Amino acid sequence: MLPRSRLSPAAPPGPTPLPPVPVVDGVPVWGHTDTAAWSAARPGRWARPLWSVLALSAALVTAVATEPTVPCGDTTPCGPDWTGMVQTGLAVGLLHWSARLPGVTLVAAPGLAALVAVEQFPAPGTASGAANLAVLAALGLGWAAAGARLTAARRQRRLFERTHGPVTRPLDLTGLPKRGTGRIAAGLALCAVAVVAILLGLREVRADEDRAARASRTEAEVTGRTDTAVRLRAHDGRPLVVGSVFPEDQRLGTTVTVLEDGSWRRLAAEPYDAIGEQLLALVAGLTGLSLAGTGLRVRRGCLARRPGGLPAARVWVATDGEGRTGLHPVDATDLGAPLSVLTWTGVVSPYGPGIPEQAVREREDAREGGEHQEDPDGYGDGDKDDSDVAGLTEGDRGDGDDGDGDDGDDGDGDDSFTLVSLREAVLLGVPYGGAELAFVLPAGDGSPRTVVALATASVR
């Protein structure tokens, strides 16, 4: 987040103006009156993902540390805990989803809360019970915060569209990349891997149960333990060595039940534990759900997929000495307090609309003279050097923010602000946290040219 400046001038210096190109004609300004209402629609500080993540992390650590453990025994056999796997997956996933995917949080948080309430109670009055109550409280906070951020984003979209659109699309953006499909496909593929892992685990559990039903039962006394097995003496005097996942649970001198079917044997207290399949399902499933959710969010906000017209507004774009770029109203008086921080994700057109065809031909001739390289960002015919043409520094460029845009700081640390560039721009799209936006900007090299750049918005 851009820091607020103690030395902000009463009136900032005039920005680099846009050249008189057709895309600028008739576009309304976004002034202080409208931006004040838009800023007032932001969620409160309590709704920031940081607080939800910290609260849930602390509650989960306490709950795990205070949860009573029951040793494996003939009356309390161990085995695969599928409900616990789901709880673990939701808990770990929510640490990420609370910050990046508030829509998923609205569904996952109540689901985990229901599992905790059913599985971890009734044990009120104990340390574990108090810790689980803290987990429920943290889940409630995360759910409310996610709802507040989504509601604020909807309010901001409505406010901007009410004053600035929808209007006829002032610029042809049909060539923009249609983002999101790749992430959705990768996410669904990983979810399929998770389903296969679960099915394999269930198959192994069923096979173990069938074999245990056919096996003979032998009682034996524990005479020794290693890290992976227990040494036993059967009641008929035979020495036995049986593999064990939790040998420390079998105390010396106690009697345990051994299941035997030919050369196969195991402790009755330790059925097949599908821990490997469960870990694979957790890793693949959590990654897949996160990728698919992010892809759906990106796909929904993609400008290239938006039907009809795009709202447009004239704004100021200011870059500070650390390469951070902020969005400001055209009558801003404090460039250290931006409406939104922008992360540049690509340059669509290095010349933009309204440029004579001769200039375009000159650029194409220059490119044909050298070795053509495919744009690694996938944003059409822009070079890596187009960021310099646009006046964008290396610090401006990034992968974009696919979350809700509340993960920036407040600028409460360094209170200095050095203005490097201030440009007039035409904003295309609807600004809110995580939204994809397009900007028509002066080229920044003193020529009457424009560039069209893509960015994502992170709201303060």
Protein backbone atom coordinates (compact mmCIF):
# COMPACT_ATOMS: atom_id res chain seq x y z
CA MET A 1 0.00 0.00 0.00
CA LEU A 2 1.31 3.42 -0.85
CA PRO A 3 2.29 5.32 2.32
CA ARG A 4 0.59 8.54 3.21
CA SER A 5 2.84 11.54 2.80
CA ARG A 6 3.37 14.06 5.58
CA LEU A 7 4.68 16.45 2.96
CA SER A 8 1.89 16.04 0.41
CA PRO A 9 1.38 19.31 -1.46
CA ALA A 10 -1.91 21.14 -1.27
CA ALA A 11 -2.33 20.48 -4.99
CA PRO A 12 -0.29 17.83 -6.82
CA PRO A 13 1.55 18.84 -9.97
CA GLY A 14 -0.42 18.41 -13.17
CA PRO A 15 -0.34 14.89 -14.65
CA THR A 16 1.01 13.90 -18.03
CA PRO A 17 -2.10 14.38 -20.18
CA LEU A 18 -3.54 11.87 -22.56
CA PRO A 19 -3.10 12.76 -26.22
CA PRO A 20 -6.29 13.67 -28.11
CA VAL A 21 -7.24 10.17 -29.23
CA PRO A 22 -10.83 9.05 -29.87
CA VAL A 23 -10.99 6.77 -26.84
CA VAL A 24 -10.75 9.79 -24.52
CA ASP A 25 -13.65 11.70 -26.05
CA GLY A 26 -16.74 11.86 -23.87
CA VAL A 27 -15.35 9.77 -20.99
CA PRO A 28 -16.52 11.24 -17.64
CA VAL A 29 -14.09 12.03 -14.86
CA TRP A 30 -14.03 10.15 -11.58
CA GLY A 31 -13.91 12.98 -9.08
CA HIS A 32 -13.70 13.33 -5.32
CA THR A 33 -17.46 13.27 -4.73
CA ASP A 34 -17.92 9.90 -6.41
CA THR A 35 -14.73 8.38 -5.02
CA ALA A 36 -15.66 9.40 -1.47
CA ALA A 37 -18.86 7.35 -1.68
CA TRP A 38 -16.95 4.48 -3.31
CA SER A 39 -14.30 4.52 -0.57
CA ALA A 40 -16.95 4.65 2.15
CA ALA A 41 -18.33 1.34 0.84
CA ARG A 42 -15.13 -0.49 1.77
CA PRO A 43 -15.33 -3.12 4.54
CA GLY A 44 -14.19 -2.25 8.03
CA ARG A 45 -10.68 -2.99 9.26
CA TRP A 46 -12.01 -5.91 11.29
CA ALA A 47 -12.88 -7.71 8.04
CA ARG A 48 -9.29 -7.90 6.86
CA PRO A 49 -8.23 -11.50 6.16
CA LEU A 50 -5.20 -11.15 8.42
CA TRP A 51 -7.30 -11.15 11.59
CA SER A 52 -9.34 -14.17 10.49
CA VAL A 53 -6.25 -16.15 9.54
CA LEU A 54 -4.43 -15.33 12.78
CA ALA A 55 -7.46 -16.16 14.92
CA LEU A 56 -8.09 -19.47 13.15
CA SER A 57 -4.40 -20.43 13.24
CA ALA A 58 -4.12 -19.80 16.98
CA ALA A 59 -7.37 -21.65 17.70
CA LEU A 60 -6.39 -24.66 15.60
CA VAL A 61 -2.95 -24.95 17.19
CA THR A 62 -4.52 -24.83 20.65
CA ALA A 63 -7.20 -27.37 19.72
CA VAL A 64 -4.65 -29.84 18.35
CA ALA A 65 -2.37 -29.41 21.38
CA THR A 66 -5.17 -29.98 23.90
CA GLU A 67 -7.01 -32.78 22.10
CA PRO A 68 -6.95 -35.94 24.23
CA THR A 69 -5.35 -38.97 22.59
CA VAL A 70 -6.82 -42.44 22.91
CA PRO A 71 -4.26 -45.30 22.58
CA CYS A 72 -4.95 -48.04 20.07
CA GLY A 73 -6.50 -51.09 21.72
CA ASP A 74 -8.79 -54.03 21.01
CA THR A 75 -11.80 -52.01 22.19
CA THR A 76 -10.63 -48.73 20.62
CA PRO A 77 -8.98 -49.75 17.34
CA CYS A 78 -7.20 -47.19 15.23
CA GLY A 79 -7.74 -46.88 11.50
CA PRO A 80 -8.51 -44.36 8.80
CA ASP A 81 -10.28 -41.27 10.10
CA TRP A 82 -12.16 -39.95 7.07
CA THR A 83 -14.06 -37.34 9.04
CA GLY A 84 -10.81 -36.10 10.54
CA MET A 85 -9.33 -35.90 7.04
CA VAL A 86 -12.19 -33.64 5.93
CA GLN A 87 -11.76 -31.47 9.03
CA THR A 88 -8.03 -31.16 8.42
CA GLY A 89 -8.58 -30.29 4.78
CA LEU A 90 -11.15 -27.61 5.52
CA ALA A 91 -9.05 -26.14 8.33
CA VAL A 92 -5.90 -25.89 6.21
CA GLY A 93 -7.84 -24.70 3.19
CA LEU A 94 -9.58 -21.95 5.13
CA LEU A 95 -6.23 -20.42 6.06
CA HIS A 96 -5.78 -19.74 2.34
CA TRP A 97 -9.39 -19.24 1.29
CA SER A 98 -10.05 -16.66 4.01
CA ALA A 99 -7.47 -14.41 2.37
CA ARG A 100 -7.92 -15.21 -1.30
CA LEU A 101 -11.34 -16.78 -1.91
CA PRO A 102 -14.01 -15.29 0.37
CA GLY A 103 -16.76 -16.95 -1.66
CA VAL A 104 -15.36 -20.41 -0.83
CA THR A 105 -15.00 -19.33 2.81
CA LEU A 106 -18.73 -18.66 3.04
CA VAL A 107 -19.34 -22.36 2.28
CA ALA A 108 -16.34 -24.02 3.91
CA ALA A 109 -16.46 -22.23 7.28
CA PRO A 110 -20.01 -23.39 8.21
CA GLY A 111 -19.12 -26.90 7.05
CA LEU A 112 -16.08 -27.09 9.31
CA ALA A 113 -18.01 -25.53 12.18
CA ALA A 114 -20.68 -28.24 11.87
CA LEU A 115 -18.05 -31.01 11.88
CA VAL A 116 -16.31 -29.54 14.92
CA ALA A 117 -19.60 -29.19 16.80
CA VAL A 118 -20.62 -32.79 16.06
CA GLU A 119 -17.26 -34.57 16.35
CA GLN A 120 -15.42 -32.64 19.09
CA PHE A 121 -18.25 -32.20 21.57
CA PRO A 122 -19.69 -33.03 24.10
CA ALA A 123 -16.72 -32.30 26.31
CA PRO A 124 -17.54 -28.86 27.77
CA GLY A 125 -15.49 -27.51 30.62
CA THR A 126 -12.25 -29.15 29.49
CA ALA A 127 -9.28 -27.46 27.85
CA SER A 128 -10.09 -29.22 24.59
CA GLY A 129 -13.69 -28.02 24.75
CA ALA A 130 -12.57 -24.43 25.30
CA ALA A 131 -10.15 -24.69 22.38
CA ASN A 132 -12.87 -26.03 20.10
CA LEU A 133 -15.14 -23.17 21.14
CA ALA A 134 -12.33 -20.83 20.10
CA VAL A 135 -12.19 -22.60 16.72
CA LEU A 136 -15.94 -22.03 16.30
CA ALA A 137 -15.52 -18.36 17.20
CA ALA A 138 -12.64 -17.96 14.72
CA LEU A 139 -14.70 -19.62 12.01
CA GLY A 140 -17.55 -17.23 12.75
CA LEU A 141 -15.19 -14.27 12.45
CA GLY A 142 -13.80 -15.55 9.14
CA TRP A 143 -17.28 -16.19 7.76
CA ALA A 144 -18.51 -12.72 8.74
CA ALA A 145 -15.36 -11.06 7.36
CA ALA A 146 -15.67 -12.87 4.03
CA GLY A 147 -19.30 -11.86 3.76
CA ALA A 148 -18.44 -8.25 4.58
CA ARG A 149 -15.75 -8.10 1.89
CA LEU A 150 -18.00 -9.61 -0.77
CA THR A 151 -20.83 -7.25 0.19
CA ALA A 152 -18.45 -4.28 0.03
CA ALA A 153 -17.24 -5.35 -3.43
CA ARG A 154 -20.85 -5.53 -4.65
CA ARG A 155 -21.59 -2.08 -3.23
CA GLN A 156 -18.51 -0.63 -4.92
CA ARG A 157 -19.43 -2.18 -8.25
CA ARG A 158 -22.96 -0.80 -8.08
CA LEU A 159 -21.75 2.69 -7.09
CA PHE A 160 -19.25 2.88 -9.93
CA GLU A 161 -21.62 1.48 -12.56
CA ARG A 162 -24.34 3.88 -11.45
CA THR A 163 -22.17 6.89 -12.22
CA HIS A 164 -20.00 5.59 -15.05
CA GLY A 165 -21.88 3.05 -17.05
CA PRO A 166 -22.45 0.77 -18.60
CA VAL A 167 -21.41 2.71 -21.70
CA THR A 168 -20.56 1.74 -25.21
CA ARG A 169 -17.21 -0.02 -25.17
CA PRO A 170 -14.83 2.84 -26.07
CA LEU A 171 -12.02 0.48 -27.04
CA ASP A 172 -11.93 -2.86 -28.77
CA LEU A 173 -10.73 -5.34 -26.14
CA THR A 174 -11.72 -8.50 -27.95
CA GLY A 175 -8.06 -9.47 -28.18
CA LEU A 176 -7.59 -9.63 -24.43
CA PRO A 177 -6.58 -13.01 -22.99
CA LYS A 178 -9.51 -15.01 -21.65
CA ARG A 179 -7.93 -15.94 -18.36
CA GLY A 180 -9.08 -18.53 -15.87
CA THR A 181 -9.69 -21.59 -18.06
CA GLY A 182 -6.25 -23.09 -17.47
CA ARG A 183 -6.54 -22.83 -13.70
CA ILE A 184 -10.00 -24.37 -13.74
CA ALA A 185 -8.80 -27.29 -15.86
CA ALA A 186 -5.75 -27.87 -13.64
CA GLY A 187 -7.89 -27.62 -10.52
CA LEU A 188 -10.45 -30.13 -11.78
CA ALA A 189 -7.66 -32.52 -12.77
CA LEU A 190 -6.20 -32.37 -9.25
CA CYS A 191 -9.65 -32.86 -7.73
CA ALA A 192 -9.98 -35.98 -9.88
CA VAL A 193 -6.65 -37.21 -8.49
CA ALA A 194 -7.99 -36.64 -4.97
CA VAL A 195 -11.14 -38.65 -5.74
CA VAL A 196 -9.06 -41.52 -7.14
CA ALA A 197 -6.86 -41.49 -4.02
CA ILE A 198 -9.91 -41.70 -1.78
CA LEU A 199 -11.36 -44.58 -3.82
CA LEU A 200 -8.06 -46.45 -3.63
CA GLY A 201 -7.94 -45.92 0.12
CA LEU A 202 -11.50 -47.20 0.54
CA ARG A 203 -10.67 -50.25 -1.57
CA GLU A 204 -7.66 -51.10 0.60
CA VAL A 205 -9.70 -50.62 3.77
CA ARG A 206 -12.41 -52.94 2.46
CA ALA A 207 -9.83 -55.58 1.47
CA ASP A 208 -8.30 -55.41 4.95
CA GLU A 209 -11.71 -55.79 6.57
CA ASP A 210 -12.56 -58.81 4.43
CA ARG A 211 -9.27 -60.52 5.28
CA ALA A 212 -9.66 -59.72 8.97
CA ALA A 213 -13.10 -61.34 8.91
CA ARG A 214 -11.55 -64.57 7.58
CA ALA A 215 -8.53 -64.54 9.94
CA SER A 216 -8.19 -66.46 13.17
CA ARG A 217 -7.83 -64.53 16.42
CA THR A 218 -4.90 -65.24 18.75
CA GLU A 219 -4.27 -63.66 22.12
CA ALA A 220 -0.65 -62.83 22.94
CA GLU A 221 1.37 -61.01 25.57
CA VAL A 222 3.55 -58.01 24.67
CA THR A 223 7.16 -58.82 25.48
CA GLY A 224 9.02 -56.08 23.61
CA ARG A 225 8.76 -53.19 21.16
CA THR A 226 10.75 -51.65 18.34
CA ASP A 227 10.07 -48.53 16.33
CA THR A 228 7.96 -50.44 13.80
CA ALA A 229 6.85 -53.68 15.48
CA VAL A 230 5.94 -55.40 18.72
CA ARG A 231 7.33 -58.71 20.00
CA LEU A 232 4.70 -61.05 21.37
CA ARG A 233 4.39 -64.47 23.01
CA ALA A 234 1.24 -66.28 22.05
CA HIS A 235 -0.69 -68.22 24.68
CA ASP A 236 0.47 -71.44 23.01
CA GLY A 237 4.10 -70.30 23.57
CA ARG A 238 4.89 -69.21 20.00
CA PRO A 239 7.01 -66.06 19.63
CA LEU A 240 5.51 -63.53 17.23
CA VAL A 241 6.73 -60.30 15.70
CA VAL A 242 3.91 -58.13 14.33
CA GLY A 243 4.33 -54.83 12.51
CA SER A 244 2.77 -51.87 14.24
CA VAL A 245 2.15 -48.23 13.33
CA PHE A 246 1.85 -47.24 17.00
CA PRO A 247 3.97 -49.70 18.98
CA GLU A 248 4.21 -47.23 21.86
CA ASP A 249 0.49 -47.80 22.55
CA GLN A 250 1.14 -51.46 23.45
CA ARG A 251 2.41 -51.60 27.00
CA LEU A 252 4.74 -54.41 28.07
CA GLY A 253 2.96 -57.28 29.80
CA THR A 254 -0.48 -56.48 28.38
CA THR A 255 -2.47 -58.89 26.25
CA VAL A 256 -3.39 -58.04 22.68
CA THR A 257 -5.31 -59.79 19.92
CA VAL A 258 -3.49 -60.85 16.75
CA LEU A 259 -5.32 -61.66 13.51
CA GLU A 260 -3.65 -64.40 11.44
CA ASP A 261 -4.44 -65.67 7.96
CA GLY A 262 -1.59 -67.84 6.74
CA SER A 263 1.54 -65.68 6.64
CA TRP A 264 -0.52 -62.50 7.00
CA ARG A 265 -0.96 -61.12 10.48
CA ARG A 266 -1.69 -57.79 12.14
CA LEU A 267 -2.88 -56.44 15.46
CA ALA A 268 -6.65 -56.29 15.82
CA ALA A 269 -6.13 -52.82 17.29
CA GLU A 270 -4.58 -51.50 14.06
CA PRO A 271 -6.72 -51.91 10.94
CA TYR A 272 -5.35 -50.71 7.62
CA ASP A 273 -4.65 -46.98 7.90
CA ALA A 274 -5.03 -45.24 4.53
CA ILE A 275 -2.77 -42.39 5.61
CA GLY A 276 -0.89 -42.32 2.30
CA GLU A 277 -4.06 -42.10 0.25
CA GLN A 278 -5.47 -39.49 2.62
CA LEU A 279 -2.37 -37.29 2.37
CA LEU A 280 -2.48 -37.50 -1.42
CA ALA A 281 -6.18 -36.64 -1.40
CA LEU A 282 -5.57 -33.66 0.89
CA VAL A 283 -2.69 -32.22 -1.14
CA ALA A 284 -4.37 -32.76 -4.51
CA GLY A 285 -7.83 -31.79 -3.31
CA LEU A 286 -6.84 -28.58 -1.53
CA THR A 287 -4.64 -27.46 -4.41
CA GLY A 288 -7.31 -28.39 -6.93
CA LEU A 289 -10.12 -26.59 -5.11
CA SER A 290 -7.98 -23.48 -4.69
CA LEU A 291 -6.96 -23.46 -8.35
CA ALA A 292 -10.50 -24.06 -9.57
CA GLY A 293 -11.93 -21.41 -7.24
CA THR A 294 -9.30 -18.89 -8.30
CA GLY A 295 -9.90 -19.73 -11.95
CA LEU A 296 -13.64 -19.20 -11.61
CA ARG A 297 -13.04 -15.88 -9.88
CA VAL A 298 -10.60 -14.73 -12.56
CA ARG A 299 -12.88 -15.95 -15.34
CA ARG A 300 -15.81 -14.05 -13.88
CA GLY A 301 -13.85 -10.80 -13.67
CA CYS A 302 -12.07 -11.16 -17.01
CA LEU A 303 -12.70 -8.10 -19.17
CA ALA A 304 -12.62 -10.17 -22.36
CA ARG A 305 -15.59 -12.23 -21.12
CA ARG A 306 -17.71 -9.28 -20.03
CA PRO A 307 -20.70 -8.88 -22.39
CA GLY A 308 -21.80 -5.50 -23.68
CA GLY A 309 -20.19 -2.22 -22.76
CA LEU A 310 -17.55 -1.41 -20.17
CA PRO A 311 -17.78 1.47 -17.72
CA ALA A 312 -15.08 4.08 -18.33
CA ALA A 313 -13.71 6.98 -16.28
CA ARG A 314 -10.86 9.44 -16.44
CA VAL A 315 -8.51 9.02 -13.49
CA TRP A 316 -4.99 9.75 -12.33
CA VAL A 317 -2.33 7.06 -12.00
CA ALA A 318 0.62 7.89 -9.73
CA THR A 319 3.83 5.89 -9.32
CA ASP A 320 6.08 6.33 -6.28
CA GLY A 321 9.80 5.86 -5.84
CA GLU A 322 9.44 2.16 -5.00
CA GLY A 323 7.57 1.38 -8.19
CA ARG A 324 4.14 1.09 -6.57
CA THR A 325 1.26 2.52 -8.55
CA GLY A 326 -1.89 4.01 -7.07
CA LEU A 327 -5.26 4.96 -8.54
CA HIS A 328 -6.54 8.46 -7.73
CA PRO A 329 -9.46 10.72 -8.60
CA VAL A 330 -8.71 13.50 -11.06
CA ASP A 331 -8.89 16.12 -8.31
CA ALA A 332 -6.77 14.25 -5.74
CA THR A 333 -4.97 16.37 -3.15
CA ASP A 334 -3.03 13.56 -1.41
CA LEU A 335 -1.13 11.21 -3.70
CA GLY A 336 0.04 9.20 -0.69
CA ALA A 337 -3.49 7.89 -0.10
CA PRO A 338 -4.62 6.05 -3.25
CA LEU A 339 -8.07 4.60 -3.80
CA SER A 340 -6.48 1.37 -4.94
CA VAL A 341 -3.04 -0.12 -5.55
CA LEU A 342 -2.52 -1.47 -9.07
CA THR A 343 -0.50 -4.50 -10.12
CA TRP A 344 0.34 -4.37 -13.81
CA THR A 345 -0.14 -7.72 -15.54
CA GLY A 346 0.56 -6.93 -19.18
CA VAL A 347 0.61 -4.46 -22.05
CA VAL A 348 -2.11 -5.13 -24.61
CA SER A 349 -1.19 -2.55 -27.25
CA PRO A 350 2.02 -0.52 -27.23
CA TYR A 351 0.49 2.18 -29.39
CA GLY A 352 -3.19 2.06 -28.54
CA PRO A 353 -6.06 3.48 -30.57
CA GLY A 354 -5.93 6.61 -32.66
CA ILE A 355 -2.30 6.06 -33.75
CA PRO A 356 -1.56 6.54 -37.46
CA GLU A 357 -1.13 3.33 -39.43
CA GLN A 358 2.35 4.49 -40.47
CA ALA A 359 3.52 4.22 -36.85
CA VAL A 360 2.18 0.72 -36.59
CA ARG A 361 3.90 -0.28 -39.82
CA GLU A 362 7.17 1.17 -38.54
CA ARG A 363 6.91 -0.91 -35.40
CA GLU A 364 6.14 -4.06 -37.35
CA ASP A 365 9.09 -3.40 -39.67
CA ALA A 366 11.37 -2.98 -36.66
CA ARG A 367 10.18 -6.25 -35.16
CA GLU A 368 10.65 -8.14 -38.41
CA GLY A 369 14.25 -6.97 -38.47
CA GLY A 370 15.06 -8.93 -35.32
CA GLU A 371 14.29 -12.31 -33.91
CA HIS A 372 10.64 -12.53 -32.92
CA GLN A 373 9.98 -13.89 -29.47
CA GLU A 374 6.61 -14.98 -28.20
CA ASP A 375 5.22 -12.86 -25.40
CA PRO A 376 5.61 -14.99 -22.26
CA ASP A 377 2.68 -13.25 -20.57
CA GLY A 378 0.30 -14.04 -23.40
CA TYR A 379 -0.90 -10.49 -23.84
CA GLY A 380 -0.72 -10.17 -27.60
CA ASP A 381 2.10 -8.42 -29.43
CA GLY A 382 3.72 -6.53 -26.57
CA ASP A 383 7.43 -7.02 -25.84
CA LYS A 384 8.98 -7.20 -22.46
CA ASP A 385 10.16 -3.65 -23.15
CA ASP A 386 6.58 -2.43 -23.54
CA SER A 387 6.49 -1.82 -19.81
CA ASP A 388 9.14 0.84 -20.33
CA VAL A 389 7.13 2.37 -23.18
CA ALA A 390 4.14 2.55 -20.89
CA GLY A 391 6.20 4.20 -18.19
CA LEU A 392 5.78 1.16 -15.93
CA THR A 393 8.67 0.18 -13.71
CA GLU A 394 9.66 -3.37 -12.91
CA GLY A 395 8.06 -2.99 -9.50
CA ASP A 396 4.75 -2.24 -11.18
CA ARG A 397 4.55 -5.58 -12.94
CA GLY A 398 3.40 -8.76 -11.28
CA ASP A 399 1.17 -11.78 -11.55
CA GLY A 400 -1.90 -9.94 -10.36
CA ASP A 401 -4.01 -10.26 -7.26
CA ASP A 402 -6.67 -12.93 -7.52
CA GLY A 403 -7.84 -12.46 -3.99
CA ASP A 404 -10.22 -9.89 -2.65
CA GLY A 405 -7.60 -7.18 -2.51
CA ASP A 406 -7.51 -6.68 1.26
CA ASP A 407 -4.06 -8.11 1.81
CA GLY A 408 -2.13 -4.87 1.49
CA ASP A 409 -0.79 -2.88 4.39
CA ASP A 410 -2.02 0.55 5.38
CA GLY A 411 1.11 2.43 4.77
CA ASP A 412 1.57 3.00 8.49
CA GLY A 413 5.27 2.18 8.30
CA ASP A 414 7.27 4.45 6.02
CA ASP A 415 5.43 7.77 5.90
CA SER A 416 7.49 9.24 3.04
CA PHE A 417 6.19 9.43 -0.51
CA THR A 418 8.25 10.29 -3.57
CA LEU A 419 6.27 11.01 -6.71
CA VAL A 420 7.97 9.58 -9.81
CA SER A 421 5.22 9.93 -12.38
CA LEU A 422 1.64 11.17 -12.51
CA ARG A 423 -0.39 10.33 -15.58
CA GLU A 424 -3.91 10.94 -16.76
CA ALA A 425 -5.59 7.71 -17.81
CA VAL A 426 -8.86 6.23 -18.96
CA LEU A 427 -9.96 3.39 -16.71
CA LEU A 428 -11.97 0.59 -18.35
CA GLY A 429 -13.84 -1.81 -16.10
CA VAL A 430 -15.23 -1.66 -12.56
CA PRO A 431 -12.71 -1.12 -9.73
CA TYR A 432 -13.00 -3.32 -6.65
CA GLY A 433 -10.68 -5.67 -4.83
CA GLY A 434 -9.18 -8.23 -7.24
CA ALA A 435 -10.87 -6.78 -10.34
CA GLU A 436 -9.16 -6.83 -13.73
CA LEU A 437 -8.92 -3.34 -15.21
CA ALA A 438 -7.62 -1.87 -18.45
CA PHE A 439 -5.97 1.54 -18.65
CA VAL A 440 -5.31 3.78 -21.62
CA LEU A 441 -2.15 5.70 -20.66
CA PRO A 442 0.22 8.22 -22.20
CA ALA A 443 3.24 6.42 -23.63
CA GLY A 444 5.49 8.40 -21.28
CA ASP A 445 8.21 9.12 -23.83
CA GLY A 446 7.02 12.58 -24.82
CA SER A 447 5.36 11.38 -28.02
CA PRO A 448 1.62 11.68 -28.80
CA ARG A 449 1.09 7.97 -28.24
CA THR A 450 -0.91 5.84 -25.85
CA VAL A 451 -0.59 2.35 -24.45
CA VAL A 452 -3.28 -0.01 -23.21
CA ALA A 453 -2.20 -1.89 -20.08
CA LEU A 454 -3.91 -4.46 -17.86
CA ALA A 455 -3.85 -4.36 -14.07
CA THR A 456 -5.55 -5.86 -11.05
CA ALA A 457 -6.80 -3.70 -8.22
CA SER A 458 -6.10 -4.15 -4.52
CA VAL A 459 -8.41 -2.00 -2.40
CA ARG A 460 -7.07 -0.32 0.74
